[in-house]
Amino acid sequence: MRNEKLKVALIQQRHHGSKEETIAHTVGQIEKAATEGAKLIVLQELHQTEYFCQHEDTCYFDYARSFHDDVKFWSSVAKKHRVVLVASLFEERAPGLYHNTAVVFETDGSIAGRYRKMHIPDDPGFYEKFYFTPGDLGFEPIDTSAGRLGVLVCWDQWYPEAARIMALKGAEMLIYPTAIGWFDEDPEEEKKRQRESWITIQRSHAVANGIPLLSCNRVGFEADPSGVLNGIRFWGGSFVCGPQGELLAQADTENETVLTAEIDLQRTKEVRDIWPFLRDRRIENYEDLLKRYCD
């Protein structure tokens, strides 16, 4: 572990009506973050377009056709601003075979690695199983000049197994591009419970593994084009926490934000020395984790 501090930035934004306008806004926010000294910049899940998974329609598969051009574009942005950039893109692997893919770019624009979302939800307003094939690249950290990154995506954030495997493979931080929100018709108490659960589970991953965590969420209301649901109000709340789950920075639930924080990478060693959770794991007794359910 390097003895240094790393300035990071999360770009929390709303959809701006079109891919072109949304990307233009994102690029401006990246430039702002880089000017302020950020060396690692994280974008939210599927940041180029609206969150199209609110209903099932094959027309949205066309969004994935530009994957290779999108990769080239974000490569040029990372290179121009000399930052490590985590982008979240819709990948067409072959006709009829699509992935929700995070691509990590090095400061020279090269591809440091990518991760295909492994856990795929299927709930009202979040019909992702229709669009995305589960990832097949495994839980593999990505080495960059900003550190070894354990990049996961949204629904993955509810699974301690994914975070643990990344940590066991030497990830120095966990990163979650995400798109989560609530329905306006839900009671305020339920909205509060959902958001607090989302924050708590991720901070718990940081604590259990003794590493920092970055979670970048969408913000703003997006209507359901099918009219079946009213739409989703993405709750923002992007945050960075340290290896004891301590909040280092947190965005609000309504506004677009360039959220910056400074991560002390040396603290992982300090925390793990006093809380040696990895040392005390009883790996010889965990075989039941490979079962769907212990009947």
C-alpha atoms as a PDB file:
ATOM      1  CA  MET A   1       0.000   0.000   0.000  1.00  0.00           C
ATOM      2  CA  ARG A   2       1.401   3.366  -1.018  1.00  0.00           C
ATOM      3  CA  ASN A   3       1.848   6.055   1.597  1.00  0.00           C
ATOM      4  CA  GLU A   4      -0.027   8.840  -0.138  1.00  0.00           C
ATOM      5  CA  LYS A   5      -3.307  10.696  -0.377  1.00  0.00           C
ATOM      6  CA  LEU A   6      -5.514  10.570  -3.429  1.00  0.00           C
ATOM      7  CA  LYS A   7      -8.049  13.193  -4.486  1.00  0.00           C
ATOM      8  CA  VAL A   8     -11.139  11.632  -6.044  1.00  0.00           C
ATOM      9  CA  ALA A   9     -14.289  13.042  -7.632  1.00  0.00           C
ATOM     10  CA  LEU A  10     -17.762  11.623  -8.214  1.00  0.00           C
ATOM     11  CA  ILE A  11     -19.912  13.208 -10.945  1.00  0.00           C
ATOM     12  CA  GLN A  12     -23.533  13.105  -9.727  1.00  0.00           C
ATOM     13  CA  GLN A  13     -25.845  14.353 -12.467  1.00  0.00           C
ATOM     14  CA  ARG A  14     -29.290  14.185 -14.019  1.00  0.00           C
ATOM     15  CA  HIS A  15     -30.200  13.204 -17.569  1.00  0.00           C
ATOM     16  CA  HIS A  16     -30.184  16.297 -19.789  1.00  0.00           C
ATOM     17  CA  GLY A  17     -32.726  15.191 -22.382  1.00  0.00           C
ATOM     18  CA  SER A  18     -30.375  13.685 -24.967  1.00  0.00           C
ATOM     19  CA  LYS A  19     -27.144  11.750 -25.117  1.00  0.00           C
ATOM     20  CA  GLU A  20     -25.346  14.709 -26.678  1.00  0.00           C
ATOM     21  CA  GLU A  21     -26.439  17.232 -24.043  1.00  0.00           C
ATOM     22  CA  THR A  22     -25.803  14.804 -21.196  1.00  0.00           C
ATOM     23  CA  ILE A  23     -22.296  13.984 -22.391  1.00  0.00           C
ATOM     24  CA  ALA A  24     -21.494  17.664 -22.879  1.00  0.00           C
ATOM     25  CA  HIS A  25     -22.477  18.322 -19.287  1.00  0.00           C
ATOM     26  CA  THR A  26     -20.446  15.358 -18.037  1.00  0.00           C
ATOM     27  CA  VAL A  27     -17.332  16.464 -19.879  1.00  0.00           C
ATOM     28  CA  GLY A  28     -17.625  19.915 -18.345  1.00  0.00           C
ATOM     29  CA  GLN A  29     -17.897  18.410 -14.879  1.00  0.00           C
ATOM     30  CA  ILE A  30     -14.877  16.187 -15.507  1.00  0.00           C
ATOM     31  CA  GLU A  31     -12.876  19.228 -16.565  1.00  0.00           C
ATOM     32  CA  LYS A  32     -13.941  21.002 -13.373  1.00  0.00           C
ATOM     33  CA  ALA A  33     -12.943  18.032 -11.205  1.00  0.00           C
ATOM     34  CA  ALA A  34      -9.587  17.645 -12.932  1.00  0.00           C
ATOM     35  CA  THR A  35      -8.876  21.359 -12.551  1.00  0.00           C
ATOM     36  CA  GLU A  36      -9.534  20.978  -8.832  1.00  0.00           C
ATOM     37  CA  GLY A  37      -6.904  18.247  -8.644  1.00  0.00           C
ATOM     38  CA  ALA A  38      -8.897  15.021  -8.839  1.00  0.00           C
ATOM     39  CA  LYS A  39      -6.807  12.097 -10.093  1.00  0.00           C
ATOM     40  CA  LEU A  40      -9.601   9.511 -10.052  1.00  0.00           C
ATOM     41  CA  ILE A  41     -13.051  10.422 -11.425  1.00  0.00           C
ATOM     42  CA  VAL A  42     -16.097   8.153 -11.213  1.00  0.00           C
ATOM     43  CA  LEU A  43     -19.230   8.511 -13.352  1.00  0.00           C
ATOM     44  CA  GLN A  44     -22.657   7.137 -12.422  1.00  0.00           C
ATOM     45  CA  GLU A  45     -24.276   4.043 -13.905  1.00  0.00           C
ATOM     46  CA  LEU A  46     -25.271   4.342 -17.598  1.00  0.00           C
ATOM     47  CA  HIS A  47     -24.344   8.020 -17.473  1.00  0.00           C
ATOM     48  CA  GLN A  48     -24.694   8.743 -21.205  1.00  0.00           C
ATOM     49  CA  THR A  49     -28.456   8.248 -21.465  1.00  0.00           C
ATOM     50  CA  GLU A  50     -31.666   8.116 -19.495  1.00  0.00           C
ATOM     51  CA  TYR A  51     -32.125   5.076 -17.282  1.00  0.00           C
ATOM     52  CA  PHE A  52     -33.934   3.116 -19.991  1.00  0.00           C
ATOM     53  CA  CYS A  53     -34.658  -0.002 -17.915  1.00  0.00           C
ATOM     54  CA  GLN A  54     -37.935   1.340 -16.508  1.00  0.00           C
ATOM     55  CA  HIS A  55     -39.754  -0.754 -19.093  1.00  0.00           C
ATOM     56  CA  GLU A  56     -38.940  -3.390 -21.704  1.00  0.00           C
ATOM     57  CA  ASP A  57     -38.490  -2.244 -25.287  1.00  0.00           C
ATOM     58  CA  THR A  58     -36.060  -3.665 -27.845  1.00  0.00           C
ATOM     59  CA  CYS A  59     -35.503  -0.204 -29.323  1.00  0.00           C
ATOM     60  CA  TYR A  60     -33.088   0.560 -26.483  1.00  0.00           C
ATOM     61  CA  PHE A  61     -30.660  -2.117 -27.636  1.00  0.00           C
ATOM     62  CA  ASP A  62     -29.658   0.412 -30.295  1.00  0.00           C
ATOM     63  CA  TYR A  63     -27.949   2.390 -27.527  1.00  0.00           C
ATOM     64  CA  ALA A  64     -25.355  -0.377 -27.239  1.00  0.00           C
ATOM     65  CA  ARG A  65     -24.335  -0.204 -30.897  1.00  0.00           C
ATOM     66  CA  SER A  66     -22.087   2.782 -30.214  1.00  0.00           C
ATOM     67  CA  PHE A  67     -20.118   0.979 -27.498  1.00  0.00           C
ATOM     68  CA  HIS A  68     -16.780   0.979 -29.335  1.00  0.00           C
ATOM     69  CA  ASP A  69     -17.159   4.629 -30.327  1.00  0.00           C
ATOM     70  CA  ASP A  70     -18.120   5.461 -26.748  1.00  0.00           C
ATOM     71  CA  VAL A  71     -14.981   3.742 -25.484  1.00  0.00           C
ATOM     72  CA  LYS A  72     -12.846   5.799 -27.856  1.00  0.00           C
ATOM     73  CA  PHE A  73     -14.546   9.007 -26.780  1.00  0.00           C
ATOM     74  CA  TRP A  74     -14.125   8.510 -23.026  1.00  0.00           C
ATOM     75  CA  SER A  75     -10.571   7.356 -23.635  1.00  0.00           C
ATOM     76  CA  SER A  76      -9.847  10.728 -25.212  1.00  0.00           C
ATOM     77  CA  VAL A  77     -11.461  12.541 -22.267  1.00  0.00           C
ATOM     78  CA  ALA A  78      -9.339  10.645 -19.736  1.00  0.00           C
ATOM     79  CA  LYS A  79      -6.206  11.345 -21.765  1.00  0.00           C
ATOM     80  CA  LYS A  80      -6.981  15.048 -22.218  1.00  0.00           C
ATOM     81  CA  HIS A  81      -7.436  15.614 -18.494  1.00  0.00           C
ATOM     82  CA  ARG A  82      -4.799  13.100 -17.364  1.00  0.00           C
ATOM     83  CA  VAL A  83      -7.164  11.307 -15.001  1.00  0.00           C
ATOM     84  CA  VAL A  84      -8.133   7.738 -14.221  1.00  0.00           C
ATOM     85  CA  LEU A  85     -11.759   7.607 -15.347  1.00  0.00           C
ATOM     86  CA  VAL A  86     -14.433   5.045 -14.458  1.00  0.00           C
ATOM     87  CA  ALA A  87     -17.169   5.073 -17.109  1.00  0.00           C
ATOM     88  CA  SER A  88     -20.373   3.012 -17.230  1.00  0.00           C
ATOM     89  CA  LEU A  89     -21.427   1.922 -20.719  1.00  0.00           C
ATOM     90  CA  PHE A  90     -23.981  -0.261 -22.508  1.00  0.00           C
ATOM     91  CA  GLU A  91     -21.969  -2.932 -24.331  1.00  0.00           C
ATOM     92  CA  GLU A  92     -23.106  -4.868 -27.387  1.00  0.00           C
ATOM     93  CA  ARG A  93     -20.966  -7.995 -27.332  1.00  0.00           C
ATOM     94  CA  ALA A  94     -22.910  -9.580 -30.200  1.00  0.00           C
ATOM     95  CA  PRO A  95     -26.434  -9.132 -31.554  1.00  0.00           C
ATOM     96  CA  GLY A  96     -28.769 -10.215 -28.774  1.00  0.00           C
ATOM     97  CA  LEU A  97     -25.947 -10.280 -26.188  1.00  0.00           C
ATOM     98  CA  TYR A  98     -25.503  -7.142 -24.101  1.00  0.00           C
ATOM     99  CA  HIS A  99     -23.733  -6.172 -20.885  1.00  0.00           C
ATOM    100  CA  ASN A 100     -23.829  -3.341 -18.364  1.00  0.00           C
ATOM    101  CA  THR A 101     -20.104  -2.634 -18.437  1.00  0.00           C
ATOM    102  CA  ALA A 102     -17.792  -0.397 -16.450  1.00  0.00           C
ATOM    103  CA  VAL A 103     -14.682   0.600 -18.398  1.00  0.00           C
ATOM    104  CA  VAL A 104     -11.688   2.047 -16.560  1.00  0.00           C
ATOM    105  CA  PHE A 105      -9.329   4.342 -18.466  1.00  0.00           C
ATOM    106  CA  GLU A 106      -5.768   5.178 -17.497  1.00  0.00           C
ATOM    107  CA  THR A 107      -4.400   8.729 -17.619  1.00  0.00           C
ATOM    108  CA  ASP A 108      -2.947   8.112 -21.093  1.00  0.00           C
ATOM    109  CA  GLY A 109      -6.331   7.012 -22.431  1.00  0.00           C
ATOM    110  CA  SER A 110      -5.508   3.327 -22.474  1.00  0.00           C
ATOM    111  CA  ILE A 111      -8.023   0.813 -21.115  1.00  0.00           C
ATOM    112  CA  ALA A 112      -6.862  -0.337 -17.706  1.00  0.00           C
ATOM    113  CA  GLY A 113      -9.642  -2.902 -17.484  1.00  0.00           C
ATOM    114  CA  ARG A 114     -13.368  -3.451 -17.478  1.00  0.00           C
ATOM    115  CA  TYR A 115     -16.033  -5.105 -15.383  1.00  0.00           C
ATOM    116  CA  ARG A 116     -19.355  -6.531 -16.545  1.00  0.00           C
ATOM    117  CA  LYS A 117     -22.130  -6.204 -13.987  1.00  0.00           C
ATOM    118  CA  MET A 118     -22.663  -9.573 -12.322  1.00  0.00           C
ATOM    119  CA  HIS A 119     -25.868  -9.195 -10.285  1.00  0.00           C
ATOM    120  CA  ILE A 120     -28.800  -8.156 -12.466  1.00  0.00           C
ATOM    121  CA  PRO A 121     -32.087  -6.969 -10.875  1.00  0.00           C
ATOM    122  CA  ASP A 122     -35.601  -7.445 -12.201  1.00  0.00           C
ATOM    123  CA  ASP A 123     -38.127  -5.336 -10.314  1.00  0.00           C
ATOM    124  CA  PRO A 124     -40.874  -2.871 -11.306  1.00  0.00           C
ATOM    125  CA  GLY A 125     -39.093   0.071 -12.909  1.00  0.00           C
ATOM    126  CA  PHE A 126     -35.760  -1.765 -12.944  1.00  0.00           C
ATOM    127  CA  TYR A 127     -36.180  -4.409 -15.651  1.00  0.00           C
ATOM    128  CA  GLU A 128     -32.492  -5.024 -16.203  1.00  0.00           C
ATOM    129  CA  LYS A 129     -32.668  -8.764 -16.871  1.00  0.00           C
ATOM    130  CA  PHE A 130     -34.362  -7.930 -20.173  1.00  0.00           C
ATOM    131  CA  TYR A 131     -31.359  -5.852 -21.243  1.00  0.00           C
ATOM    132  CA  PHE A 132     -28.233  -7.232 -19.607  1.00  0.00           C
ATOM    133  CA  THR A 133     -26.539 -10.624 -19.628  1.00  0.00           C
ATOM    134  CA  PRO A 134     -24.815 -11.329 -16.285  1.00  0.00           C
ATOM    135  CA  GLY A 135     -21.122 -10.568 -16.415  1.00  0.00           C
ATOM    136  CA  ASP A 136     -18.546 -13.273 -17.042  1.00  0.00           C
ATOM    137  CA  LEU A 137     -15.300 -11.461 -16.195  1.00  0.00           C
ATOM    138  CA  GLY A 138     -15.504 -12.315 -12.511  1.00  0.00           C
ATOM    139  CA  PHE A 139     -14.648 -10.056  -9.602  1.00  0.00           C
ATOM    140  CA  GLU A 140     -11.202  -8.880 -10.677  1.00  0.00           C
ATOM    141  CA  PRO A 141      -9.635  -5.639  -9.393  1.00  0.00           C
ATOM    142  CA  ILE A 142      -8.247  -3.269 -12.014  1.00  0.00           C
ATOM    143  CA  ASP A 143      -4.738  -1.896 -11.616  1.00  0.00           C
ATOM    144  CA  THR A 144      -4.352   1.814 -12.335  1.00  0.00           C
ATOM    145  CA  SER A 145      -2.003   4.656 -11.449  1.00  0.00           C
ATOM    146  CA  ALA A 146      -4.623   5.665  -8.841  1.00  0.00           C
ATOM    147  CA  GLY A 147      -4.509   2.254  -7.187  1.00  0.00           C
ATOM    148  CA  ARG A 148      -6.033  -1.194  -7.538  1.00  0.00           C
ATOM    149  CA  LEU A 149      -9.746  -0.563  -8.037  1.00  0.00           C
ATOM    150  CA  GLY A 150     -12.507  -2.978  -7.066  1.00  0.00           C
ATOM    151  CA  VAL A 151     -15.102  -1.779  -9.564  1.00  0.00           C
ATOM    152  CA  LEU A 152     -18.640  -3.142  -9.194  1.00  0.00           C
ATOM    153  CA  VAL A 153     -21.976  -1.786 -10.470  1.00  0.00           C
ATOM    154  CA  CYS A 154     -25.189  -0.794  -8.656  1.00  0.00           C
ATOM    155  CA  TRP A 155     -27.123  -3.995  -7.723  1.00  0.00           C
ATOM    156  CA  ASP A 156     -23.743  -5.558  -6.874  1.00  0.00           C
ATOM    157  CA  GLN A 157     -23.639  -3.187  -3.905  1.00  0.00           C
ATOM    158  CA  TRP A 158     -26.101  -5.352  -1.935  1.00  0.00           C
ATOM    159  CA  TYR A 159     -23.838  -8.418  -2.053  1.00  0.00           C
ATOM    160  CA  PRO A 160     -21.068  -8.720   0.558  1.00  0.00           C
ATOM    161  CA  GLU A 161     -19.574 -11.614  -1.407  1.00  0.00           C
ATOM    162  CA  ALA A 162     -18.655  -9.358  -4.324  1.00  0.00           C
ATOM    163  CA  ALA A 163     -16.983  -6.766  -2.092  1.00  0.00           C
ATOM    164  CA  ARG A 164     -15.158  -9.461  -0.136  1.00  0.00           C
ATOM    165  CA  ILE A 165     -13.733 -11.156  -3.212  1.00  0.00           C
ATOM    166  CA  MET A 166     -12.483  -7.832  -4.551  1.00  0.00           C
ATOM    167  CA  ALA A 167     -10.787  -7.164  -1.210  1.00  0.00           C
ATOM    168  CA  LEU A 168      -9.287 -10.668  -1.064  1.00  0.00           C
ATOM    169  CA  LYS A 169      -7.777 -10.021  -4.488  1.00  0.00           C
ATOM    170  CA  GLY A 170      -6.079  -6.866  -3.265  1.00  0.00           C
ATOM    171  CA  ALA A 171      -8.511  -4.081  -4.195  1.00  0.00           C
ATOM    172  CA  GLU A 172      -7.443  -0.850  -2.478  1.00  0.00           C
ATOM    173  CA  MET A 173     -10.891   0.705  -2.750  1.00  0.00           C
ATOM    174  CA  LEU A 174     -14.408  -0.291  -3.798  1.00  0.00           C
ATOM    175  CA  ILE A 175     -16.195   1.715  -6.500  1.00  0.00           C
ATOM    176  CA  TYR A 176     -19.896   1.578  -7.342  1.00  0.00           C
ATOM    177  CA  PRO A 177     -21.427   3.476 -10.273  1.00  0.00           C
ATOM    178  CA  THR A 178     -25.150   3.241  -9.465  1.00  0.00           C
ATOM    179  CA  ALA A 179     -28.663   4.256 -10.500  1.00  0.00           C
ATOM    180  CA  ILE A 180     -31.117   3.988  -7.638  1.00  0.00           C
ATOM    181  CA  GLY A 181     -34.079   6.059  -6.576  1.00  0.00           C
ATOM    182  CA  TRP A 182     -37.555   5.983  -5.152  1.00  0.00           C
ATOM    183  CA  PHE A 183     -41.082   6.310  -6.459  1.00  0.00           C
ATOM    184  CA  ASP A 184     -42.829   9.555  -5.522  1.00  0.00           C
ATOM    185  CA  GLU A 185     -45.936   7.679  -4.404  1.00  0.00           C
ATOM    186  CA  ASP A 186     -43.999   5.737  -1.742  1.00  0.00           C
ATOM    187  CA  PRO A 187     -44.485   6.895   1.879  1.00  0.00           C
ATOM    188  CA  GLU A 188     -41.768   9.160   3.217  1.00  0.00           C
ATOM    189  CA  GLU A 189     -40.911   6.581   5.878  1.00  0.00           C
ATOM    190  CA  GLU A 190     -40.279   3.941   3.216  1.00  0.00           C
ATOM    191  CA  LYS A 191     -38.142   6.316   1.164  1.00  0.00           C
ATOM    192  CA  LYS A 192     -36.013   7.032   4.212  1.00  0.00           C
ATOM    193  CA  ARG A 193     -35.620   3.319   5.014  1.00  0.00           C
ATOM    194  CA  GLN A 194     -34.554   2.495   1.467  1.00  0.00           C
ATOM    195  CA  ARG A 195     -31.952   5.233   1.227  1.00  0.00           C
ATOM    196  CA  GLU A 196     -30.520   4.539   4.664  1.00  0.00           C
ATOM    197  CA  SER A 197     -30.276   0.827   3.822  1.00  0.00           C
ATOM    198  CA  TRP A 198     -28.404   1.700   0.631  1.00  0.00           C
ATOM    199  CA  ILE A 199     -25.903   3.828   2.528  1.00  0.00           C
ATOM    200  CA  THR A 200     -25.541   1.368   5.392  1.00  0.00           C
ATOM    201  CA  ILE A 201     -24.833  -1.712   3.282  1.00  0.00           C
ATOM    202  CA  GLN A 202     -22.073   0.056   1.375  1.00  0.00           C
ATOM    203  CA  ARG A 203     -20.444   1.567   4.445  1.00  0.00           C
ATOM    204  CA  SER A 204     -20.549  -1.936   5.901  1.00  0.00           C
ATOM    205  CA  HIS A 205     -18.535  -3.242   2.932  1.00  0.00           C
ATOM    206  CA  ALA A 206     -15.891  -0.622   3.689  1.00  0.00           C
ATOM    207  CA  VAL A 207     -15.811  -1.644   7.358  1.00  0.00           C
ATOM    208  CA  ALA A 208     -15.808  -5.409   6.763  1.00  0.00           C
ATOM    209  CA  ASN A 209     -12.936  -5.155   4.299  1.00  0.00           C
ATOM    210  CA  GLY A 210     -11.018  -2.226   5.747  1.00  0.00           C
ATOM    211  CA  ILE A 211     -10.876  -0.215   2.525  1.00  0.00           C
ATOM    212  CA  PRO A 212     -12.386   3.082   1.247  1.00  0.00           C
ATOM    213  CA  LEU A 213     -15.534   3.047  -0.861  1.00  0.00           C
ATOM    214  CA  LEU A 214     -16.868   5.415  -3.554  1.00  0.00           C
ATOM    215  CA  SER A 215     -20.530   5.309  -4.584  1.00  0.00           C
ATOM    216  CA  CYS A 216     -21.714   7.554  -7.447  1.00  0.00           C
ATOM    217  CA  ASN A 217     -25.476   7.782  -7.985  1.00  0.00           C
ATOM    218  CA  ARG A 218     -27.789   9.491 -10.470  1.00  0.00           C
ATOM    219  CA  VAL A 219     -30.056  12.356  -9.446  1.00  0.00           C
ATOM    220  CA  GLY A 220     -33.273  13.845 -10.806  1.00  0.00           C
ATOM    221  CA  PHE A 221     -36.680  12.608 -11.946  1.00  0.00           C
ATOM    222  CA  GLU A 222     -37.028  10.410 -15.038  1.00  0.00           C
ATOM    223  CA  ALA A 223     -40.515   9.554 -16.266  1.00  0.00           C
ATOM    224  CA  ASP A 224     -41.462   6.038 -17.347  1.00  0.00           C
ATOM    225  CA  PRO A 225     -41.987   6.282 -21.143  1.00  0.00           C
ATOM    226  CA  SER A 226     -44.466   3.404 -21.063  1.00  0.00           C
ATOM    227  CA  GLY A 227     -46.747   5.277 -18.653  1.00  0.00           C
ATOM    228  CA  VAL A 228     -47.181   2.160 -16.512  1.00  0.00           C
ATOM    229  CA  LEU A 229     -45.285   3.780 -13.642  1.00  0.00           C
ATOM    230  CA  ASN A 230     -44.936   7.467 -12.856  1.00  0.00           C
ATOM    231  CA  GLY A 231     -41.157   7.238 -13.051  1.00  0.00           C
ATOM    232  CA  ILE A 232     -38.140   7.188 -10.774  1.00  0.00           C
ATOM    233  CA  ARG A 233     -36.753  10.049  -8.739  1.00  0.00           C
ATOM    234  CA  PHE A 234     -33.092   9.160  -8.401  1.00  0.00           C
ATOM    235  CA  TRP A 235     -31.980  10.150  -4.941  1.00  0.00           C
ATOM    236  CA  GLY A 236     -28.369  11.136  -5.562  1.00  0.00           C
ATOM    237  CA  GLY A 237     -26.616  10.959  -2.211  1.00  0.00           C
ATOM    238  CA  SER A 238     -23.285   9.965  -3.753  1.00  0.00           C
ATOM    239  CA  PHE A 239     -20.652   9.483  -1.084  1.00  0.00           C
ATOM    240  CA  VAL A 240     -17.097   8.544  -0.227  1.00  0.00           C
ATOM    241  CA  CYS A 241     -16.256   6.742   2.992  1.00  0.00           C
ATOM    242  CA  GLY A 242     -13.051   5.540   4.597  1.00  0.00           C
ATOM    243  CA  PRO A 243     -12.006   2.053   5.762  1.00  0.00           C
ATOM    244  CA  GLN A 244     -13.981   2.345   9.009  1.00  0.00           C
ATOM    245  CA  GLY A 245     -17.075   3.461   7.133  1.00  0.00           C
ATOM    246  CA  GLU A 246     -16.507   7.088   8.114  1.00  0.00           C
ATOM    247  CA  LEU A 247     -18.132   9.512   5.686  1.00  0.00           C
ATOM    248  CA  LEU A 248     -15.539  11.690   3.968  1.00  0.00           C
ATOM    249  CA  ALA A 249     -17.950  13.452   1.619  1.00  0.00           C
ATOM    250  CA  GLN A 250     -21.623  13.148   0.700  1.00  0.00           C
ATOM    251  CA  ALA A 251     -23.840  14.833  -1.895  1.00  0.00           C
ATOM    252  CA  ASP A 252     -27.446  15.843  -1.343  1.00  0.00           C
ATOM    253  CA  THR A 253     -30.499  14.122  -2.830  1.00  0.00           C
ATOM    254  CA  GLU A 254     -31.554  16.763  -5.362  1.00  0.00           C
ATOM    255  CA  ASN A 255     -28.669  18.574  -7.030  1.00  0.00           C
ATOM    256  CA  GLU A 256     -26.027  17.829  -9.611  1.00  0.00           C
ATOM    257  CA  THR A 257     -22.699  17.772  -7.844  1.00  0.00           C
ATOM    258  CA  VAL A 258     -18.994  17.324  -8.402  1.00  0.00           C
ATOM    259  CA  LEU A 259     -18.274  15.592  -5.111  1.00  0.00           C
ATOM    260  CA  THR A 260     -14.602  15.559  -4.164  1.00  0.00           C
ATOM    261  CA  ALA A 261     -12.777  13.902  -1.300  1.00  0.00           C
ATOM    262  CA  GLU A 262      -9.242  13.080  -0.266  1.00  0.00           C
ATOM    263  CA  ILE A 263      -8.510   9.442   0.496  1.00  0.00           C
ATOM    264  CA  ASP A 264      -5.590   8.510   2.736  1.00  0.00           C
ATOM    265  CA  LEU A 265      -4.514   5.187   1.275  1.00  0.00           C
ATOM    266  CA  GLN A 266      -2.232   4.469   4.230  1.00  0.00           C
ATOM    267  CA  ARG A 267      -5.236   4.251   6.555  1.00  0.00           C
ATOM    268  CA  THR A 268      -6.139   0.816   5.192  1.00  0.00           C
ATOM    269  CA  LYS A 269      -3.041  -0.668   6.812  1.00  0.00           C
ATOM    270  CA  GLU A 270      -3.633   1.229  10.047  1.00  0.00           C
ATOM    271  CA  VAL A 271      -7.270   0.083  10.254  1.00  0.00           C
ATOM    272  CA  ARG A 272      -6.553  -3.515   9.314  1.00  0.00           C
ATOM    273  CA  ASP A 273      -3.802  -3.679  11.916  1.00  0.00           C
ATOM    274  CA  ILE A 274      -6.277  -2.884  14.692  1.00  0.00           C
ATOM    275  CA  TRP A 275      -9.289  -4.652  13.126  1.00  0.00           C
ATOM    276  CA  PRO A 276      -7.770  -7.780  11.488  1.00  0.00           C
ATOM    277  CA  PHE A 277     -10.998  -9.171  10.081  1.00  0.00           C
ATOM    278  CA  LEU A 278      -9.230 -10.941   7.215  1.00  0.00           C
ATOM    279  CA  ARG A 279      -6.928 -12.713   9.661  1.00  0.00           C
ATOM    280  CA  ASP A 280      -9.797 -14.162  11.675  1.00  0.00           C
ATOM    281  CA  ARG A 281     -11.912 -15.484   8.823  1.00  0.00           C
ATOM    282  CA  ARG A 282     -12.774 -19.183   9.283  1.00  0.00           C
ATOM    283  CA  ILE A 283     -12.490 -20.118   5.639  1.00  0.00           C
ATOM    284  CA  GLU A 284     -12.641 -23.849   6.388  1.00  0.00           C
ATOM    285  CA  ASN A 285     -16.240 -23.415   7.549  1.00  0.00           C
ATOM    286  CA  TYR A 286     -17.693 -21.316   4.747  1.00  0.00           C
ATOM    287  CA  GLU A 287     -18.654 -24.041   2.253  1.00  0.00           C
ATOM    288  CA  ASP A 288     -22.362 -23.291   2.773  1.00  0.00           C
ATOM    289  CA  LEU A 289     -21.860 -19.975   1.005  1.00  0.00           C
ATOM    290  CA  LEU A 290     -21.730 -21.921  -2.250  1.00  0.00           C
ATOM    291  CA  LYS A 291     -25.324 -23.092  -1.782  1.00  0.00           C
ATOM    292  CA  ARG A 292     -28.382 -21.164  -2.963  1.00  0.00           C
ATOM    293  CA  TYR A 293     -30.035 -21.808   0.408  1.00  0.00           C
ATOM    294  CA  CYS A 294     -29.296 -24.180   3.281  1.00  0.00           C
ATOM    295  CA  ASP A 295     -32.502 -26.232   3.341  1.00  0.00           C
END
